[in-house]
Amino acid sequence: MNQRIAHAAIIVDDYDKAIKFYTDKLNFKLIEDTKLSDTKRWVLVSPEGAGGFSLLLAKASDKEQESRIGNQTGGRVFLFLHTDDFSGYFNKLVEGDVQIIREPATQPWGRVAVFADLYGNQWDLIEKVNIVS
């Protein structure tokens, strides 16, 4: 039996605003944007090389969901974005005025910085290094 996680939902307040942030600021690709009803769309975005994984941008539909926008994990890092060009991607975030929560740090396993998406959800940006023992 093979299994994989295909999507993770992230609650947003506006589809178009979220698409613009993820595609313009984070350089994700818009995979799908299908209208399901007058108020609901199926919107998927994905980073380069995600291997089939994507984020479902899910517009909040009630007050309880709205209360979770930007705080889906109680203030912890929510998602982990790996890159093979840490400096280039980090510079793109800074140039795009993406909020940096923690400046880059070098760890034994690689480099890491923390940034926030347009709603305040925290992300780790990670470039792992090969550890040879």
Protein backbone atom coordinates (compact mmCIF):
# COMPACT_ATOMS: atom_id res chain seq x y z
CA MET A 1 0.00 0.00 0.00
CA ASN A 2 1.35 3.42 -0.98
CA GLN A 3 0.15 6.58 0.69
CA ARG A 4 1.09 10.22 0.48
CA ILE A 5 -0.25 13.52 1.70
CA ALA A 6 -1.60 15.37 -1.33
CA HIS A 7 -2.77 18.68 0.13
CA ALA A 8 -2.81 20.67 3.35
CA ALA A 9 -5.51 23.29 3.81
CA ILE A 10 -4.64 26.78 4.91
CA ILE A 11 -7.49 29.09 5.87
CA VAL A 12 -7.52 32.43 4.05
CA ASP A 13 -9.81 35.45 3.98
CA ASP A 14 -9.75 36.06 0.23
CA TYR A 15 -8.84 33.69 -2.60
CA ASP A 16 -7.33 36.26 -4.96
CA LYS A 17 -5.27 38.02 -2.28
CA ALA A 18 -3.89 34.65 -1.12
CA ILE A 19 -3.11 33.51 -4.68
CA LYS A 20 -1.25 36.77 -5.31
CA PHE A 21 0.86 36.38 -2.16
CA TYR A 22 1.77 32.74 -2.73
CA THR A 23 2.55 33.15 -6.42
CA ASP A 24 4.20 36.61 -6.35
CA LYS A 25 5.95 36.62 -2.97
CA LEU A 26 6.72 32.91 -2.44
CA ASN A 27 7.10 32.02 -6.13
CA PHE A 28 4.59 29.15 -5.90
CA LYS A 29 2.70 27.97 -8.96
CA LEU A 30 -1.07 28.18 -9.22
CA ILE A 31 -2.01 24.55 -9.87
CA GLU A 32 -5.80 24.85 -9.94
CA ASP A 33 -8.51 27.45 -9.43
CA THR A 34 -11.94 25.92 -9.94
CA LYS A 35 -15.21 27.63 -9.01
CA LEU A 36 -17.36 25.25 -6.96
CA SER A 37 -20.18 27.67 -6.07
CA ASP A 38 -20.80 31.40 -5.84
CA THR A 39 -18.72 31.51 -2.63
CA LYS A 40 -16.38 28.51 -2.82
CA ARG A 41 -13.39 27.69 -5.01
CA TRP A 42 -10.89 24.82 -5.14
CA VAL A 43 -7.55 26.65 -5.20
CA LEU A 44 -4.25 24.79 -5.12
CA VAL A 45 -0.77 26.35 -5.05
CA SER A 46 2.55 24.56 -4.89
CA PRO A 47 6.26 25.33 -4.68
CA GLU A 48 8.63 24.13 -7.40
CA GLY A 49 9.62 20.51 -6.94
CA ALA A 50 6.89 19.72 -4.41
CA GLY A 51 6.40 16.22 -5.79
CA GLY A 52 2.63 16.46 -6.00
CA PHE A 53 2.05 18.18 -2.65
CA SER A 54 0.09 21.42 -2.70
CA LEU A 55 -1.62 23.87 -0.38
CA LEU A 56 -5.38 24.18 -0.59
CA LEU A 57 -6.29 27.82 -0.06
CA ALA A 58 -9.57 27.44 1.82
CA LYS A 59 -11.61 30.60 2.32
CA ALA A 60 -13.09 30.86 5.80
CA SER A 61 -16.83 30.32 5.68
CA ASP A 62 -17.88 31.19 9.24
CA LYS A 63 -16.72 33.07 12.34
CA GLU A 64 -14.96 30.06 13.85
CA GLN A 65 -12.89 29.50 10.70
CA GLU A 66 -12.18 33.23 10.46
CA SER A 67 -10.77 33.10 14.00
CA ARG A 68 -8.16 30.58 12.82
CA ILE A 69 -6.78 32.66 9.96
CA GLY A 70 -3.09 33.22 10.65
CA ASN A 71 -3.02 31.05 13.75
CA GLN A 72 -3.65 27.52 12.64
CA THR A 73 -0.99 26.11 14.98
CA GLY A 74 -1.22 28.28 18.08
CA GLY A 75 1.82 30.37 17.18
CA ARG A 76 4.18 27.51 16.28
CA VAL A 77 5.84 27.13 12.91
CA PHE A 78 3.17 25.77 10.59
CA LEU A 79 4.94 24.66 7.42
CA PHE A 80 8.50 23.77 6.46
CA LEU A 81 9.76 24.89 3.06
CA HIS A 82 12.97 23.24 1.90
CA THR A 83 15.15 24.89 -0.73
CA ASP A 84 18.42 24.17 -2.48
CA ASP A 85 19.15 27.92 -2.79
CA PHE A 86 18.71 29.34 0.69
CA SER A 87 20.40 32.69 0.06
CA GLY A 88 18.59 33.32 -3.21
CA TYR A 89 15.16 32.43 -1.84
CA PHE A 90 15.72 34.31 1.43
CA ASN A 91 16.74 37.41 -0.53
CA LYS A 92 13.56 37.08 -2.63
CA LEU A 93 11.51 37.05 0.58
CA VAL A 94 13.26 40.17 1.87
CA GLU A 95 12.91 41.97 -1.49
CA GLY A 96 9.21 41.04 -1.52
CA ASP A 97 8.70 42.56 1.94
CA VAL A 98 7.77 39.20 3.44
CA GLN A 99 7.91 39.42 7.23
CA ILE A 100 11.03 37.75 8.63
CA ILE A 101 10.42 36.39 12.12
CA ARG A 102 13.90 34.92 12.72
CA GLU A 103 16.99 35.79 10.71
CA PRO A 104 18.99 32.97 9.07
CA ALA A 105 20.95 30.73 11.40
CA THR A 106 23.36 27.94 10.62
CA GLN A 107 22.71 24.65 12.37
CA PRO A 108 24.72 21.41 12.18
CA TRP A 109 22.14 20.09 9.71
CA GLY A 110 21.80 23.22 7.54
CA ARG A 111 20.46 26.77 7.43
CA VAL A 112 17.08 27.95 8.71
CA ALA A 113 15.09 31.16 8.92
CA VAL A 114 11.50 31.78 9.96
CA PHE A 115 9.12 33.94 7.94
CA ALA A 116 5.41 34.70 8.09
CA ASP A 117 2.89 34.46 5.30
CA LEU A 118 0.45 37.30 4.67
CA TYR A 119 -1.76 36.07 7.52
CA GLY A 120 1.00 35.57 10.09
CA ASN A 121 1.35 31.79 9.83
CA GLN A 122 4.99 30.97 10.52
CA TRP A 123 7.12 28.98 8.09
CA ASP A 124 10.62 27.55 8.39
CA LEU A 125 12.79 28.09 5.33
CA ILE A 126 15.37 25.28 5.37
CA GLU A 127 18.37 24.28 3.34
CA LYS A 128 19.72 20.97 4.60
CA VAL A 129 23.34 19.98 4.22
CA ASN A 130 24.55 16.47 3.69
CA ILE A 131 26.07 15.22 6.89
CA VAL A 132 28.83 12.72 6.26
CA SER A 133 29.90 10.63 9.22
